[in-house]
Amino acid sequence: MANPQTGTARFEMQQLAQVSQEAAKMIETMNVGEISKPFTMINTKGKEICAIVKLKTRLNGHKATITEDYQRLKGIVMEKRSEEKLDKWIKDKQKHTYVRINEKWQKCDFKYPGWVKK
């Protein structure tokens, strides 16, 4: 199972709980190196699957500091700035771009409102 936020198999417990409550509950009680018994869970596509997980390592949480977590904090800031630039770019392009949206889709809730002009 890959973490959708990082693309790796490394999860923080809150991230894992967002992806799969069932897997988070199972891992919470496991020891490092232990393999779980089979259990059912809903995958990211909404299908019920049978899963077995292995807990490779468990890292204790700590307060982030610039000296220890610089790269991680830098990544968070860069991702936020990138999202802000993309949002601004899309909102600017909406003002000057013609897009025809099929009548069936015009009442949808779009991530960026403003596509349908009245």
C-alpha atoms as a PDB file:
ATOM      1  CA  MET A   1       0.000   0.000   0.000  1.00  0.00           C
ATOM      2  CA  ALA A   2       1.426   3.369  -0.957  1.00  0.00           C
ATOM      3  CA  ASN A   3       0.920   6.628   0.890  1.00  0.00           C
ATOM      4  CA  PRO A   4      -0.953   8.883  -1.576  1.00  0.00           C
ATOM      5  CA  GLN A   5       0.695  11.979  -0.070  1.00  0.00           C
ATOM      6  CA  THR A   6       4.297  10.810  -0.429  1.00  0.00           C
ATOM      7  CA  GLY A   7       4.154   7.932  -2.902  1.00  0.00           C
ATOM      8  CA  THR A   8       6.136   5.732  -0.496  1.00  0.00           C
ATOM      9  CA  ALA A   9       5.103   2.927   1.848  1.00  0.00           C
ATOM     10  CA  ARG A  10       5.912   5.103   4.888  1.00  0.00           C
ATOM     11  CA  PHE A  11       2.912   6.426   6.811  1.00  0.00           C
ATOM     12  CA  GLU A  12       2.309   8.561   9.846  1.00  0.00           C
ATOM     13  CA  MET A  13      -0.509   7.064  11.910  1.00  0.00           C
ATOM     14  CA  GLN A  14      -2.914   9.912  11.098  1.00  0.00           C
ATOM     15  CA  GLN A  15      -2.184   9.505   7.365  1.00  0.00           C
ATOM     16  CA  LEU A  16      -2.752   5.762   7.570  1.00  0.00           C
ATOM     17  CA  ALA A  17      -6.039   6.294   9.395  1.00  0.00           C
ATOM     18  CA  GLN A  18      -7.190   8.567   6.568  1.00  0.00           C
ATOM     19  CA  VAL A  19      -6.389   5.894   3.985  1.00  0.00           C
ATOM     20  CA  SER A  20      -7.598   2.862   5.953  1.00  0.00           C
ATOM     21  CA  GLN A  21      -9.093   2.802   9.443  1.00  0.00           C
ATOM     22  CA  GLU A  22      -8.890  -0.986   9.436  1.00  0.00           C
ATOM     23  CA  ALA A  23      -5.150  -1.070   8.694  1.00  0.00           C
ATOM     24  CA  ALA A  24      -4.467   1.653  11.276  1.00  0.00           C
ATOM     25  CA  LYS A  25      -6.287  -0.331  13.977  1.00  0.00           C
ATOM     26  CA  MET A  26      -4.372  -3.480  13.077  1.00  0.00           C
ATOM     27  CA  ILE A  27      -0.938  -1.787  13.047  1.00  0.00           C
ATOM     28  CA  GLU A  28      -1.568   0.060  16.306  1.00  0.00           C
ATOM     29  CA  THR A  29      -1.365  -3.217  18.261  1.00  0.00           C
ATOM     30  CA  MET A  30       1.486  -4.814  16.293  1.00  0.00           C
ATOM     31  CA  ASN A  31       5.177  -5.082  17.187  1.00  0.00           C
ATOM     32  CA  VAL A  32       8.032  -4.330  14.768  1.00  0.00           C
ATOM     33  CA  GLY A  33       8.625  -7.252  12.383  1.00  0.00           C
ATOM     34  CA  GLU A  34       5.223  -8.771  13.076  1.00  0.00           C
ATOM     35  CA  ILE A  35       2.872  -9.841  10.272  1.00  0.00           C
ATOM     36  CA  SER A  36      -0.855  -9.391  10.798  1.00  0.00           C
ATOM     37  CA  LYS A  37      -3.592 -11.934  10.412  1.00  0.00           C
ATOM     38  CA  PRO A  38      -5.690 -11.426   7.262  1.00  0.00           C
ATOM     39  CA  PHE A  39      -8.370  -8.754   7.582  1.00  0.00           C
ATOM     40  CA  THR A  40     -10.771  -6.989   5.233  1.00  0.00           C
ATOM     41  CA  MET A  41     -10.524  -3.337   4.359  1.00  0.00           C
ATOM     42  CA  ILE A  42     -11.778  -0.891   1.746  1.00  0.00           C
ATOM     43  CA  ASN A  43      -9.041   0.089  -0.723  1.00  0.00           C
ATOM     44  CA  THR A  44      -8.586   3.534  -2.300  1.00  0.00           C
ATOM     45  CA  LYS A  45     -10.866   2.520  -5.182  1.00  0.00           C
ATOM     46  CA  GLY A  46     -13.708   1.709  -2.778  1.00  0.00           C
ATOM     47  CA  LYS A  47     -13.498  -2.076  -3.133  1.00  0.00           C
ATOM     48  CA  GLU A  48     -13.415  -4.474  -0.196  1.00  0.00           C
ATOM     49  CA  ILE A  49     -10.151  -6.412  -0.196  1.00  0.00           C
ATOM     50  CA  CYS A  50      -8.368  -8.916   2.008  1.00  0.00           C
ATOM     51  CA  ALA A  51      -5.103  -7.517   3.381  1.00  0.00           C
ATOM     52  CA  ILE A  52      -2.082  -8.674   5.353  1.00  0.00           C
ATOM     53  CA  VAL A  53       0.368  -6.074   6.661  1.00  0.00           C
ATOM     54  CA  LYS A  54       3.886  -6.225   8.052  1.00  0.00           C
ATOM     55  CA  LEU A  55       5.186  -3.549  10.379  1.00  0.00           C
ATOM     56  CA  LYS A  56       8.797  -2.986   9.308  1.00  0.00           C
ATOM     57  CA  THR A  57       9.695  -0.132  11.647  1.00  0.00           C
ATOM     58  CA  ARG A  58       8.031   2.206  14.084  1.00  0.00           C
ATOM     59  CA  LEU A  59       9.462   5.672  14.597  1.00  0.00           C
ATOM     60  CA  ASN A  60       8.543   7.669  17.657  1.00  0.00           C
ATOM     61  CA  GLY A  61       7.134  11.086  16.951  1.00  0.00           C
ATOM     62  CA  HIS A  62       9.076  14.202  17.805  1.00  0.00           C
ATOM     63  CA  LYS A  63       8.671  17.930  17.533  1.00  0.00           C
ATOM     64  CA  ALA A  64      10.019  19.148  14.220  1.00  0.00           C
ATOM     65  CA  THR A  65      13.138  21.291  14.357  1.00  0.00           C
ATOM     66  CA  ILE A  66      14.973  23.119  11.592  1.00  0.00           C
ATOM     67  CA  THR A  67      18.195  21.211  12.232  1.00  0.00           C
ATOM     68  CA  GLU A  68      16.651  17.717  12.162  1.00  0.00           C
ATOM     69  CA  ASP A  69      13.743  18.165   9.752  1.00  0.00           C
ATOM     70  CA  TYR A  70      14.915  20.850   7.314  1.00  0.00           C
ATOM     71  CA  GLN A  71      14.260  18.848   4.128  1.00  0.00           C
ATOM     72  CA  ARG A  72      10.819  17.751   5.269  1.00  0.00           C
ATOM     73  CA  LEU A  73       9.803  21.265   6.329  1.00  0.00           C
ATOM     74  CA  LYS A  74      11.213  22.673   3.088  1.00  0.00           C
ATOM     75  CA  GLY A  75       9.120  20.167   1.139  1.00  0.00           C
ATOM     76  CA  ILE A  76       5.963  21.172   3.007  1.00  0.00           C
ATOM     77  CA  VAL A  77       6.573  24.878   2.357  1.00  0.00           C
ATOM     78  CA  MET A  78       7.423  24.302  -1.317  1.00  0.00           C
ATOM     79  CA  GLU A  79       4.300  22.188  -1.816  1.00  0.00           C
ATOM     80  CA  LYS A  80       2.126  24.889  -0.223  1.00  0.00           C
ATOM     81  CA  ARG A  81       3.690  27.607  -2.403  1.00  0.00           C
ATOM     82  CA  SER A  82       3.230  25.446  -5.487  1.00  0.00           C
ATOM     83  CA  GLU A  83      -0.457  24.909  -4.669  1.00  0.00           C
ATOM     84  CA  GLU A  84      -0.951  28.648  -4.117  1.00  0.00           C
ATOM     85  CA  LYS A  85       0.680  29.459  -7.488  1.00  0.00           C
ATOM     86  CA  LEU A  86      -1.427  26.836  -9.254  1.00  0.00           C
ATOM     87  CA  ASP A  87      -4.632  28.160  -7.633  1.00  0.00           C
ATOM     88  CA  LYS A  88      -3.761  31.725  -8.675  1.00  0.00           C
ATOM     89  CA  TRP A  89      -2.898  30.599 -12.220  1.00  0.00           C
ATOM     90  CA  ILE A  90      -6.161  28.661 -12.638  1.00  0.00           C
ATOM     91  CA  LYS A  91      -8.272  31.540 -11.294  1.00  0.00           C
ATOM     92  CA  ASP A  92      -6.500  33.952 -13.662  1.00  0.00           C
ATOM     93  CA  LYS A  93      -6.983  31.626 -16.651  1.00  0.00           C
ATOM     94  CA  GLN A  94     -10.687  31.178 -15.824  1.00  0.00           C
ATOM     95  CA  LYS A  95     -11.248  34.891 -16.453  1.00  0.00           C
ATOM     96  CA  HIS A  96      -9.794  34.778 -19.983  1.00  0.00           C
ATOM     97  CA  THR A  97     -10.470  31.225 -21.214  1.00  0.00           C
ATOM     98  CA  TYR A  98     -13.621  29.950 -22.893  1.00  0.00           C
ATOM     99  CA  VAL A  99     -14.622  26.462 -21.818  1.00  0.00           C
ATOM    100  CA  ARG A 100     -17.817  24.771 -22.986  1.00  0.00           C
ATOM    101  CA  ILE A 101     -19.292  22.563 -20.285  1.00  0.00           C
ATOM    102  CA  ASN A 102     -22.019  20.072 -21.165  1.00  0.00           C
ATOM    103  CA  GLU A 103     -25.386  20.946 -19.605  1.00  0.00           C
ATOM    104  CA  LYS A 104     -25.347  17.715 -17.577  1.00  0.00           C
ATOM    105  CA  TRP A 105     -22.165  18.826 -15.789  1.00  0.00           C
ATOM    106  CA  GLN A 106     -22.943  22.512 -15.224  1.00  0.00           C
ATOM    107  CA  LYS A 107     -24.512  21.958 -11.789  1.00  0.00           C
ATOM    108  CA  CYS A 108     -21.505  20.047 -10.438  1.00  0.00           C
ATOM    109  CA  ASP A 109     -19.434  21.363  -7.557  1.00  0.00           C
ATOM    110  CA  PHE A 110     -16.094  22.194  -9.144  1.00  0.00           C
ATOM    111  CA  LYS A 111     -12.913  22.480  -7.107  1.00  0.00           C
ATOM    112  CA  TYR A 112     -12.442  25.921  -8.656  1.00  0.00           C
ATOM    113  CA  PRO A 113     -15.822  27.672  -8.910  1.00  0.00           C
ATOM    114  CA  GLY A 114     -16.266  30.148 -11.726  1.00  0.00           C
ATOM    115  CA  TRP A 115     -16.218  27.835 -14.746  1.00  0.00           C
ATOM    116  CA  VAL A 116     -19.938  28.290 -15.391  1.00  0.00           C
ATOM    117  CA  LYS A 117     -20.783  31.915 -16.125  1.00  0.00           C
ATOM    118  CA  LYS A 118     -24.367  33.087 -16.118  1.00  0.00           C
END
